[in-house]
Amino acid sequence: MKSDAPESEAEVLRRAIALIAARLPESWTAELVAESEPRVDALLEIRDESASRATLIVEEKRVTEGRDVPSMKAQVDSLIRRIPGAHDLIAARYLSPPVRAKLTAAGLSYVDATGNMRVEVSRPGLYLADRGADRDPWRGPGHPRGTLKGEPAAKIVRTIANFAGEWTMRELVKRSKASTGATYRVVEFLEREGMVSRGADGRVTVSDWSQLLRQWSDDYGFFRTNQVTRWIAPCGLPALLDQLASTEESTRYAVSGTIAAAEWAAYAPARLAMIYAD
């Protein structure tokens, strides 16, 4: 697949337009038109069967990171003010799940060369959504990992989730007990995706708590990461919890899932107990 990687913004744009055109209703068209605004990368015109049309201002990006979304939003909004009635579209080589979530939250349409897309136009009424790759198929060796999988990442995320505030890299390494190299790699990934920020003094601050926890949950995977065995509690889960509370102190365990969350916010009666144990 790597040999098929789009090598230029022009190739990214060509693939993006082809992917959108292939998903339009029959008799609809999508084609590039000449733009007069010098700051516009491209203009895409979509027409329906009655010749009603919509103009999309295309912002091309070979590499798009979460921290880029606010500036892209500001750029596209300024161009839309110059071209009244136009819509927005971000076209990129690859958009990671966190970036796609940020684009959606910002109200921006997007498409990448793997087939991930969300295009929304009010008139003519159009909504396109599709899913491509959830991992960059063209990430070469030596490129930063786009994931929070693994024990080092878990140590770092757990540390900054448990202890709010600003961190120097030295403090984060010491408190998390992760290696210096792993700490820098994880923080660089979180910074690229806009989940943490670093000030002028280099201190790390979480800027998007919800996305950080969602990303960690998605990458971690309870059943993928652990050796799982299944048991029956014949007397029910309340009795099981009572038994756990009376176990010897030398027995280490941690309760997770809905049965643990119910201690803070009950959502529905728990039917399953998820328990970590040595």
C-alpha atoms as a PDB file:
ATOM      1  CA  MET A   1       0.000   0.000   0.000  1.00  0.00           C
ATOM      2  CA  LYS A   2       2.932   2.335   0.693  1.00  0.00           C
ATOM      3  CA  SER A   3       3.842   2.412  -2.992  1.00  0.00           C
ATOM      4  CA  ASP A   4       0.357   3.766  -3.609  1.00  0.00           C
ATOM      5  CA  ALA A   5       0.860   6.747  -1.309  1.00  0.00           C
ATOM      6  CA  PRO A   6      -0.114  10.132  -2.797  1.00  0.00           C
ATOM      7  CA  GLU A   7       3.134  12.066  -3.074  1.00  0.00           C
ATOM      8  CA  SER A   8       1.824  15.571  -3.731  1.00  0.00           C
ATOM      9  CA  GLU A   9      -1.050  17.858  -2.769  1.00  0.00           C
ATOM     10  CA  ALA A  10      -2.263  17.637  -6.375  1.00  0.00           C
ATOM     11  CA  GLU A  11      -2.516  13.842  -6.076  1.00  0.00           C
ATOM     12  CA  VAL A  12      -4.277  14.155  -2.701  1.00  0.00           C
ATOM     13  CA  LEU A  13      -6.801  16.505  -4.305  1.00  0.00           C
ATOM     14  CA  ARG A  14      -7.340  14.228  -7.319  1.00  0.00           C
ATOM     15  CA  ARG A  15      -8.077  11.231  -5.113  1.00  0.00           C
ATOM     16  CA  ALA A  16     -10.291  13.236  -2.789  1.00  0.00           C
ATOM     17  CA  ILE A  17     -12.473  14.499  -5.649  1.00  0.00           C
ATOM     18  CA  ALA A  18     -12.693  10.997  -7.151  1.00  0.00           C
ATOM     19  CA  LEU A  19     -13.778   9.523  -3.791  1.00  0.00           C
ATOM     20  CA  ILE A  20     -16.493  12.148  -3.353  1.00  0.00           C
ATOM     21  CA  ALA A  21     -17.708  11.825  -6.963  1.00  0.00           C
ATOM     22  CA  ALA A  22     -17.981   8.027  -6.613  1.00  0.00           C
ATOM     23  CA  ARG A  23     -20.359   8.424  -3.651  1.00  0.00           C
ATOM     24  CA  LEU A  24     -22.644  11.072  -5.113  1.00  0.00           C
ATOM     25  CA  PRO A  25     -26.150  10.138  -6.259  1.00  0.00           C
ATOM     26  CA  GLU A  26     -26.441   9.174  -9.904  1.00  0.00           C
ATOM     27  CA  SER A  27     -26.649  12.235 -12.210  1.00  0.00           C
ATOM     28  CA  TRP A  28     -24.823  14.413  -9.666  1.00  0.00           C
ATOM     29  CA  THR A  29     -21.365  15.729 -10.596  1.00  0.00           C
ATOM     30  CA  ALA A  30     -18.272  16.981  -8.770  1.00  0.00           C
ATOM     31  CA  GLU A  31     -15.571  18.903 -10.585  1.00  0.00           C
ATOM     32  CA  LEU A  32     -12.912  21.506  -9.931  1.00  0.00           C
ATOM     33  CA  VAL A  33     -13.500  25.044 -11.154  1.00  0.00           C
ATOM     34  CA  ALA A  34     -11.109  27.958 -11.607  1.00  0.00           C
ATOM     35  CA  GLU A  35     -10.669  30.092  -8.508  1.00  0.00           C
ATOM     36  CA  SER A  36      -9.998  33.822  -8.460  1.00  0.00           C
ATOM     37  CA  GLU A  37      -9.069  34.068  -4.783  1.00  0.00           C
ATOM     38  CA  PRO A  38      -5.268  33.555  -4.542  1.00  0.00           C
ATOM     39  CA  ARG A  39      -5.408  32.048  -1.041  1.00  0.00           C
ATOM     40  CA  VAL A  40      -7.802  29.275  -2.091  1.00  0.00           C
ATOM     41  CA  ASP A  41      -6.156  25.900  -2.768  1.00  0.00           C
ATOM     42  CA  ALA A  42      -9.062  24.729  -4.934  1.00  0.00           C
ATOM     43  CA  LEU A  43     -12.792  25.164  -5.548  1.00  0.00           C
ATOM     44  CA  LEU A  44     -15.015  22.106  -5.926  1.00  0.00           C
ATOM     45  CA  GLU A  45     -18.420  22.505  -7.534  1.00  0.00           C
ATOM     46  CA  ILE A  46     -21.105  19.896  -6.847  1.00  0.00           C
ATOM     47  CA  ARG A  47     -24.243  19.894  -9.016  1.00  0.00           C
ATOM     48  CA  ASP A  48     -27.426  17.891  -8.583  1.00  0.00           C
ATOM     49  CA  GLU A  49     -29.774  16.591 -11.299  1.00  0.00           C
ATOM     50  CA  SER A  50     -31.569  19.956 -11.489  1.00  0.00           C
ATOM     51  CA  ALA A  51     -28.274  21.853 -11.934  1.00  0.00           C
ATOM     52  CA  SER A  52     -28.500  23.338  -8.441  1.00  0.00           C
ATOM     53  CA  ARG A  53     -24.924  23.741  -7.312  1.00  0.00           C
ATOM     54  CA  ALA A  54     -22.769  24.137  -4.240  1.00  0.00           C
ATOM     55  CA  THR A  55     -19.237  25.523  -4.121  1.00  0.00           C
ATOM     56  CA  LEU A  56     -16.755  24.033  -1.650  1.00  0.00           C
ATOM     57  CA  ILE A  57     -13.541  25.804  -0.695  1.00  0.00           C
ATOM     58  CA  VAL A  58     -10.932  23.055  -0.524  1.00  0.00           C
ATOM     59  CA  GLU A  59      -8.037  23.340   1.906  1.00  0.00           C
ATOM     60  CA  GLU A  60      -5.377  20.787   0.897  1.00  0.00           C
ATOM     61  CA  LYS A  61      -3.122  19.177   3.506  1.00  0.00           C
ATOM     62  CA  ARG A  62      -0.686  16.310   3.015  1.00  0.00           C
ATOM     63  CA  VAL A  63      -0.228  16.118   6.796  1.00  0.00           C
ATOM     64  CA  THR A  64      -2.987  17.199   9.187  1.00  0.00           C
ATOM     65  CA  GLU A  65      -2.679  17.093  12.956  1.00  0.00           C
ATOM     66  CA  GLY A  66      -5.165  17.833  15.687  1.00  0.00           C
ATOM     67  CA  ARG A  67      -3.441  21.047  16.685  1.00  0.00           C
ATOM     68  CA  ASP A  68      -3.910  22.336  13.103  1.00  0.00           C
ATOM     69  CA  VAL A  69      -7.726  22.287  13.261  1.00  0.00           C
ATOM     70  CA  PRO A  70      -8.309  25.718  14.912  1.00  0.00           C
ATOM     71  CA  SER A  71      -6.053  27.498  12.392  1.00  0.00           C
ATOM     72  CA  MET A  72      -7.669  25.627   9.467  1.00  0.00           C
ATOM     73  CA  LYS A  73     -11.097  26.619  10.753  1.00  0.00           C
ATOM     74  CA  ALA A  74     -10.055  30.276  10.940  1.00  0.00           C
ATOM     75  CA  GLN A  75      -8.504  30.127   7.457  1.00  0.00           C
ATOM     76  CA  VAL A  76     -11.564  28.555   5.830  1.00  0.00           C
ATOM     77  CA  ASP A  77     -13.979  30.899   7.616  1.00  0.00           C
ATOM     78  CA  SER A  78     -12.056  33.919   6.326  1.00  0.00           C
ATOM     79  CA  LEU A  79     -12.221  32.552   2.765  1.00  0.00           C
ATOM     80  CA  ILE A  80     -15.940  31.820   3.027  1.00  0.00           C
ATOM     81  CA  ARG A  81     -16.505  35.492   3.899  1.00  0.00           C
ATOM     82  CA  ARG A  82     -14.825  36.345   0.594  1.00  0.00           C
ATOM     83  CA  ILE A  83     -16.907  33.806  -1.366  1.00  0.00           C
ATOM     84  CA  PRO A  84     -20.468  34.115  -0.012  1.00  0.00           C
ATOM     85  CA  GLY A  85     -22.487  30.902   0.007  1.00  0.00           C
ATOM     86  CA  ALA A  86     -19.429  28.656  -0.208  1.00  0.00           C
ATOM     87  CA  HIS A  87     -18.870  25.602   1.996  1.00  0.00           C
ATOM     88  CA  ASP A  88     -15.699  24.139   3.475  1.00  0.00           C
ATOM     89  CA  LEU A  89     -13.775  20.939   2.722  1.00  0.00           C
ATOM     90  CA  ILE A  90     -10.468  19.718   4.169  1.00  0.00           C
ATOM     91  CA  ALA A  91      -8.661  17.298   1.839  1.00  0.00           C
ATOM     92  CA  ALA A  92      -5.720  15.366   3.287  1.00  0.00           C
ATOM     93  CA  ARG A  93      -3.581  12.326   2.642  1.00  0.00           C
ATOM     94  CA  TYR A  94      -4.688  10.740   5.916  1.00  0.00           C
ATOM     95  CA  LEU A  95      -6.837  11.908   8.838  1.00  0.00           C
ATOM     96  CA  SER A  96      -6.538  10.043  12.142  1.00  0.00           C
ATOM     97  CA  PRO A  97      -9.651   9.332  14.259  1.00  0.00           C
ATOM     98  CA  PRO A  98      -8.806  12.137  16.750  1.00  0.00           C
ATOM     99  CA  VAL A  99      -8.325  14.623  13.913  1.00  0.00           C
ATOM    100  CA  ARG A 100     -11.595  13.570  12.287  1.00  0.00           C
ATOM    101  CA  ALA A 101     -13.376  14.045  15.616  1.00  0.00           C
ATOM    102  CA  LYS A 102     -11.917  17.543  15.950  1.00  0.00           C
ATOM    103  CA  LEU A 103     -12.892  18.447  12.377  1.00  0.00           C
ATOM    104  CA  THR A 104     -16.445  17.253  13.008  1.00  0.00           C
ATOM    105  CA  ALA A 105     -16.637  19.220  16.263  1.00  0.00           C
ATOM    106  CA  ALA A 106     -15.421  22.307  14.398  1.00  0.00           C
ATOM    107  CA  GLY A 107     -18.140  21.855  11.752  1.00  0.00           C
ATOM    108  CA  LEU A 108     -15.653  21.206   8.938  1.00  0.00           C
ATOM    109  CA  SER A 109     -16.246  18.757   6.095  1.00  0.00           C
ATOM    110  CA  TYR A 110     -13.314  16.480   5.259  1.00  0.00           C
ATOM    111  CA  VAL A 111     -12.043  13.703   3.015  1.00  0.00           C
ATOM    112  CA  ASP A 112      -8.771  11.783   2.985  1.00  0.00           C
ATOM    113  CA  ALA A 113      -7.094   9.572   0.403  1.00  0.00           C
ATOM    114  CA  THR A 114      -7.986   6.363   2.285  1.00  0.00           C
ATOM    115  CA  GLY A 115     -11.729   7.055   2.022  1.00  0.00           C
ATOM    116  CA  ASN A 116     -12.530   8.661   5.363  1.00  0.00           C
ATOM    117  CA  MET A 117     -15.034  11.403   4.666  1.00  0.00           C
ATOM    118  CA  ARG A 118     -17.789  13.550   6.066  1.00  0.00           C
ATOM    119  CA  VAL A 119     -19.205  16.100   3.624  1.00  0.00           C
ATOM    120  CA  GLU A 120     -22.215  18.202   4.525  1.00  0.00           C
ATOM    121  CA  VAL A 121     -23.849  20.735   2.198  1.00  0.00           C
ATOM    122  CA  SER A 122     -27.123  22.501   2.911  1.00  0.00           C
ATOM    123  CA  ARG A 123     -28.124  23.242  -0.692  1.00  0.00           C
ATOM    124  CA  PRO A 124     -28.387  21.111  -2.679  1.00  0.00           C
ATOM    125  CA  GLY A 125     -29.034  18.891   0.335  1.00  0.00           C
ATOM    126  CA  LEU A 126     -26.110  16.481   0.635  1.00  0.00           C
ATOM    127  CA  TYR A 127     -24.560  14.428   3.413  1.00  0.00           C
ATOM    128  CA  LEU A 128     -21.768  11.957   2.650  1.00  0.00           C
ATOM    129  CA  ALA A 129     -20.058   9.844   5.307  1.00  0.00           C
ATOM    130  CA  ASP A 130     -17.726   6.903   4.839  1.00  0.00           C
ATOM    131  CA  ARG A 131     -14.878   5.204   6.632  1.00  0.00           C
ATOM    132  CA  GLY A 132     -11.449   4.411   5.293  1.00  0.00           C
ATOM    133  CA  ALA A 133      -8.370   3.526   7.343  1.00  0.00           C
ATOM    134  CA  ASP A 134      -8.020   4.027  11.110  1.00  0.00           C
ATOM    135  CA  ARG A 135      -4.235   3.781  10.875  1.00  0.00           C
ATOM    136  CA  ASP A 136      -2.032   5.639   8.419  1.00  0.00           C
ATOM    137  CA  PRO A 137      -1.204   3.014   5.752  1.00  0.00           C
ATOM    138  CA  TRP A 138       1.716   5.109   4.508  1.00  0.00           C
ATOM    139  CA  ARG A 139       3.499   5.773   7.793  1.00  0.00           C
ATOM    140  CA  GLY A 140       7.095   4.759   7.156  1.00  0.00           C
ATOM    141  CA  PRO A 141       9.678   3.371   9.608  1.00  0.00           C
ATOM    142  CA  GLY A 142      10.975   5.941  12.050  1.00  0.00           C
ATOM    143  CA  HIS A 143       7.817   8.045  11.919  1.00  0.00           C
ATOM    144  CA  PRO A 144       6.167   8.816  15.266  1.00  0.00           C
ATOM    145  CA  ARG A 145       3.578   6.271  16.366  1.00  0.00           C
ATOM    146  CA  GLY A 146       0.012   7.477  16.163  1.00  0.00           C
ATOM    147  CA  THR A 147      -1.233   5.459  19.119  1.00  0.00           C
ATOM    148  CA  LEU A 148      -1.376   5.238  22.910  1.00  0.00           C
ATOM    149  CA  LYS A 149      -0.952   1.465  22.958  1.00  0.00           C
ATOM    150  CA  GLY A 150       1.498  -0.158  25.301  1.00  0.00           C
ATOM    151  CA  GLU A 151       2.626   0.108  28.912  1.00  0.00           C
ATOM    152  CA  PRO A 152       4.794   3.261  28.575  1.00  0.00           C
ATOM    153  CA  ALA A 153       1.918   5.248  27.054  1.00  0.00           C
ATOM    154  CA  ALA A 154      -0.439   3.921  29.739  1.00  0.00           C
ATOM    155  CA  LYS A 155       1.925   5.050  32.498  1.00  0.00           C
ATOM    156  CA  ILE A 156       2.157   8.562  31.083  1.00  0.00           C
ATOM    157  CA  VAL A 157      -1.554   9.019  30.372  1.00  0.00           C
ATOM    158  CA  ARG A 158      -2.459   7.589  33.774  1.00  0.00           C
ATOM    159  CA  THR A 159      -0.067  10.010  35.435  1.00  0.00           C
ATOM    160  CA  ILE A 160      -1.377  13.165  33.778  1.00  0.00           C
ATOM    161  CA  ALA A 161      -4.969  11.953  34.263  1.00  0.00           C
ATOM    162  CA  ASN A 162      -4.497  11.282  37.984  1.00  0.00           C
ATOM    163  CA  PHE A 163      -2.498  14.392  38.845  1.00  0.00           C
ATOM    164  CA  ALA A 164      -3.840  17.577  37.260  1.00  0.00           C
ATOM    165  CA  GLY A 165      -1.544  20.511  36.604  1.00  0.00           C
ATOM    166  CA  GLU A 166       1.474  21.435  34.525  1.00  0.00           C
ATOM    167  CA  TRP A 167       4.416  19.119  34.040  1.00  0.00           C
ATOM    168  CA  THR A 168       8.018  19.494  33.046  1.00  0.00           C
ATOM    169  CA  MET A 169       9.282  16.529  31.056  1.00  0.00           C
ATOM    170  CA  ARG A 170      11.632  15.643  33.916  1.00  0.00           C
ATOM    171  CA  GLU A 171       8.709  15.602  36.387  1.00  0.00           C
ATOM    172  CA  LEU A 172       6.597  13.487  34.050  1.00  0.00           C
ATOM    173  CA  VAL A 173       9.380  10.931  33.583  1.00  0.00           C
ATOM    174  CA  LYS A 174       9.932  10.707  37.343  1.00  0.00           C
ATOM    175  CA  ARG A 175       6.262  10.417  38.320  1.00  0.00           C
ATOM    176  CA  SER A 176       5.202   8.039  35.503  1.00  0.00           C
ATOM    177  CA  LYS A 177       8.344   5.857  35.767  1.00  0.00           C
ATOM    178  CA  ALA A 178       8.366   5.622  31.968  1.00  0.00           C
ATOM    179  CA  SER A 179      11.602   6.000  30.018  1.00  0.00           C
ATOM    180  CA  THR A 180      12.664   9.435  28.840  1.00  0.00           C
ATOM    181  CA  GLY A 181      12.381   8.410  25.181  1.00  0.00           C
ATOM    182  CA  ALA A 182       8.880   6.977  25.598  1.00  0.00           C
ATOM    183  CA  THR A 183       7.734  10.069  27.502  1.00  0.00           C
ATOM    184  CA  TYR A 184       8.900  12.404  24.738  1.00  0.00           C
ATOM    185  CA  ARG A 185       7.294  10.223  22.033  1.00  0.00           C
ATOM    186  CA  VAL A 186       3.939  10.066  23.815  1.00  0.00           C
ATOM    187  CA  VAL A 187       3.881  13.789  24.607  1.00  0.00           C
ATOM    188  CA  GLU A 188       4.821  14.652  21.011  1.00  0.00           C
ATOM    189  CA  PHE A 189       1.928  12.493  19.747  1.00  0.00           C
ATOM    190  CA  LEU A 190      -0.525  14.093  22.194  1.00  0.00           C
ATOM    191  CA  GLU A 191       0.710  17.536  21.202  1.00  0.00           C
ATOM    192  CA  ARG A 192       0.341  16.801  17.475  1.00  0.00           C
ATOM    193  CA  GLU A 193      -3.227  15.666  18.054  1.00  0.00           C
ATOM    194  CA  GLY A 194      -4.056  18.761  20.122  1.00  0.00           C
ATOM    195  CA  MET A 195      -4.677  16.849  23.383  1.00  0.00           C
ATOM    196  CA  VAL A 196      -1.869  18.538  25.286  1.00  0.00           C
ATOM    197  CA  SER A 197      -0.031  21.807  24.819  1.00  0.00           C
ATOM    198  CA  ARG A 198       3.404  23.006  25.829  1.00  0.00           C
ATOM    199  CA  GLY A 199       4.051  26.539  27.015  1.00  0.00           C
ATOM    200  CA  ALA A 200       7.044  28.724  26.298  1.00  0.00           C
ATOM    201  CA  ASP A 201       8.806  27.111  29.273  1.00  0.00           C
ATOM    202  CA  GLY A 202       8.127  23.615  27.881  1.00  0.00           C
ATOM    203  CA  ARG A 203       5.616  22.632  30.555  1.00  0.00           C
ATOM    204  CA  VAL A 204       2.932  20.160  29.452  1.00  0.00           C
ATOM    205  CA  THR A 205      -0.756  20.891  30.094  1.00  0.00           C
ATOM    206  CA  VAL A 206      -3.765  18.790  29.066  1.00  0.00           C
ATOM    207  CA  SER A 207      -5.913  20.832  26.663  1.00  0.00           C
ATOM    208  CA  ASP A 208      -8.555  18.238  25.729  1.00  0.00           C
ATOM    209  CA  TRP A 209      -9.342  15.841  28.578  1.00  0.00           C
ATOM    210  CA  SER A 210     -12.270  14.073  26.930  1.00  0.00           C
ATOM    211  CA  GLN A 211     -10.393  13.336  23.704  1.00  0.00           C
ATOM    212  CA  LEU A 212      -7.334  12.162  25.637  1.00  0.00           C
ATOM    213  CA  LEU A 213      -9.374   9.629  27.618  1.00  0.00           C
ATOM    214  CA  ARG A 214     -11.315   8.482  24.538  1.00  0.00           C
ATOM    215  CA  GLN A 215      -8.103   7.990  22.566  1.00  0.00           C
ATOM    216  CA  TRP A 216      -6.510   6.023  25.385  1.00  0.00           C
ATOM    217  CA  SER A 217      -9.627   3.866  25.760  1.00  0.00           C
ATOM    218  CA  ASP A 218      -9.780   3.156  22.016  1.00  0.00           C
ATOM    219  CA  ASP A 219      -6.089   2.257  21.762  1.00  0.00           C
ATOM    220  CA  TYR A 220      -5.981   0.261  24.990  1.00  0.00           C
ATOM    221  CA  GLY A 221      -8.775  -2.282  24.394  1.00  0.00           C
ATOM    222  CA  PHE A 222      -9.615  -4.298  27.534  1.00  0.00           C
ATOM    223  CA  PHE A 223      -9.936  -7.603  25.691  1.00  0.00           C
ATOM    224  CA  ARG A 224      -7.012  -6.966  23.324  1.00  0.00           C
ATOM    225  CA  THR A 225      -4.521  -5.979  25.998  1.00  0.00           C
ATOM    226  CA  ASN A 226      -5.216  -8.470  28.782  1.00  0.00           C
ATOM    227  CA  GLN A 227      -5.408 -12.232  29.218  1.00  0.00           C
ATOM    228  CA  VAL A 228      -9.135 -12.666  29.840  1.00  0.00           C
ATOM    229  CA  THR A 229     -10.877 -15.529  31.664  1.00  0.00           C
ATOM    230  CA  ARG A 230     -14.629 -15.779  32.287  1.00  0.00           C
ATOM    231  CA  TRP A 231     -16.342 -16.822  35.513  1.00  0.00           C
ATOM    232  CA  ILE A 232     -19.868 -17.154  36.934  1.00  0.00           C
ATOM    233  CA  ALA A 233     -20.904 -15.526  40.229  1.00  0.00           C
ATOM    234  CA  PRO A 234     -23.750 -17.846  41.311  1.00  0.00           C
ATOM    235  CA  CYS A 235     -24.863 -15.595  44.186  1.00  0.00           C
ATOM    236  CA  GLY A 236     -24.880 -12.458  42.030  1.00  0.00           C
ATOM    237  CA  LEU A 237     -22.626  -9.439  41.675  1.00  0.00           C
ATOM    238  CA  PRO A 238     -23.468  -7.772  45.036  1.00  0.00           C
ATOM    239  CA  ALA A 239     -22.310 -10.911  46.831  1.00  0.00           C
ATOM    240  CA  LEU A 240     -19.196 -10.995  44.684  1.00  0.00           C
ATOM    241  CA  LEU A 241     -18.327  -7.419  45.668  1.00  0.00           C
ATOM    242  CA  ASP A 242     -18.817  -8.296  49.335  1.00  0.00           C
ATOM    243  CA  GLN A 243     -16.453 -11.228  48.914  1.00  0.00           C
ATOM    244  CA  LEU A 244     -13.872  -9.020  47.218  1.00  0.00           C
ATOM    245  CA  ALA A 245     -14.028  -6.513  50.067  1.00  0.00           C
ATOM    246  CA  SER A 246     -13.228  -9.257  52.589  1.00  0.00           C
ATOM    247  CA  THR A 247     -10.313 -10.835  50.718  1.00  0.00           C
ATOM    248  CA  GLU A 248      -6.834 -10.884  52.193  1.00  0.00           C
ATOM    249  CA  GLU A 249      -4.822  -7.691  51.846  1.00  0.00           C
ATOM    250  CA  SER A 250      -2.158  -9.597  49.932  1.00  0.00           C
ATOM    251  CA  THR A 251      -4.629 -10.230  47.083  1.00  0.00           C
ATOM    252  CA  ARG A 252      -4.396  -7.356  44.597  1.00  0.00           C
ATOM    253  CA  TYR A 253      -7.335  -6.551  42.318  1.00  0.00           C
ATOM    254  CA  ALA A 254      -9.037  -3.597  40.658  1.00  0.00           C
ATOM    255  CA  VAL A 255     -12.687  -3.425  39.592  1.00  0.00           C
ATOM    256  CA  SER A 256     -13.456  -1.717  36.272  1.00  0.00           C
ATOM    257  CA  GLY A 257     -16.367  -1.179  33.884  1.00  0.00           C
ATOM    258  CA  THR A 258     -19.940  -0.232  34.749  1.00  0.00           C
ATOM    259  CA  ILE A 259     -19.913  -1.963  38.123  1.00  0.00           C
ATOM    260  CA  ALA A 260     -17.034   0.310  39.212  1.00  0.00           C
ATOM    261  CA  ALA A 261     -18.478   3.437  37.575  1.00  0.00           C
ATOM    262  CA  ALA A 262     -21.708   2.915  39.539  1.00  0.00           C
ATOM    263  CA  GLU A 263     -19.857   4.056  42.672  1.00  0.00           C
ATOM    264  CA  TRP A 264     -19.816   7.563  41.148  1.00  0.00           C
ATOM    265  CA  ALA A 265     -22.691   7.623  38.663  1.00  0.00           C
ATOM    266  CA  ALA A 266     -25.106   4.717  38.317  1.00  0.00           C
ATOM    267  CA  TYR A 267     -26.134   4.303  34.685  1.00  0.00           C
ATOM    268  CA  ALA A 268     -27.842   0.901  34.488  1.00  0.00           C
ATOM    269  CA  PRO A 269     -27.822  -2.266  36.615  1.00  0.00           C
ATOM    270  CA  ALA A 270     -24.468  -3.985  36.077  1.00  0.00           C
ATOM    271  CA  ARG A 271     -24.698  -7.453  34.563  1.00  0.00           C
ATOM    272  CA  LEU A 272     -20.947  -7.985  34.260  1.00  0.00           C
ATOM    273  CA  ALA A 273     -18.013  -7.426  36.612  1.00  0.00           C
ATOM    274  CA  MET A 274     -14.686  -6.639  34.967  1.00  0.00           C
ATOM    275  CA  ILE A 275     -11.856  -7.245  37.433  1.00  0.00           C
ATOM    276  CA  TYR A 276      -8.104  -6.928  37.006  1.00  0.00           C
ATOM    277  CA  ALA A 277      -6.091  -9.384  39.120  1.00  0.00           C
ATOM    278  CA  ASP A 278      -2.487 -10.452  39.530  1.00  0.00           C
END
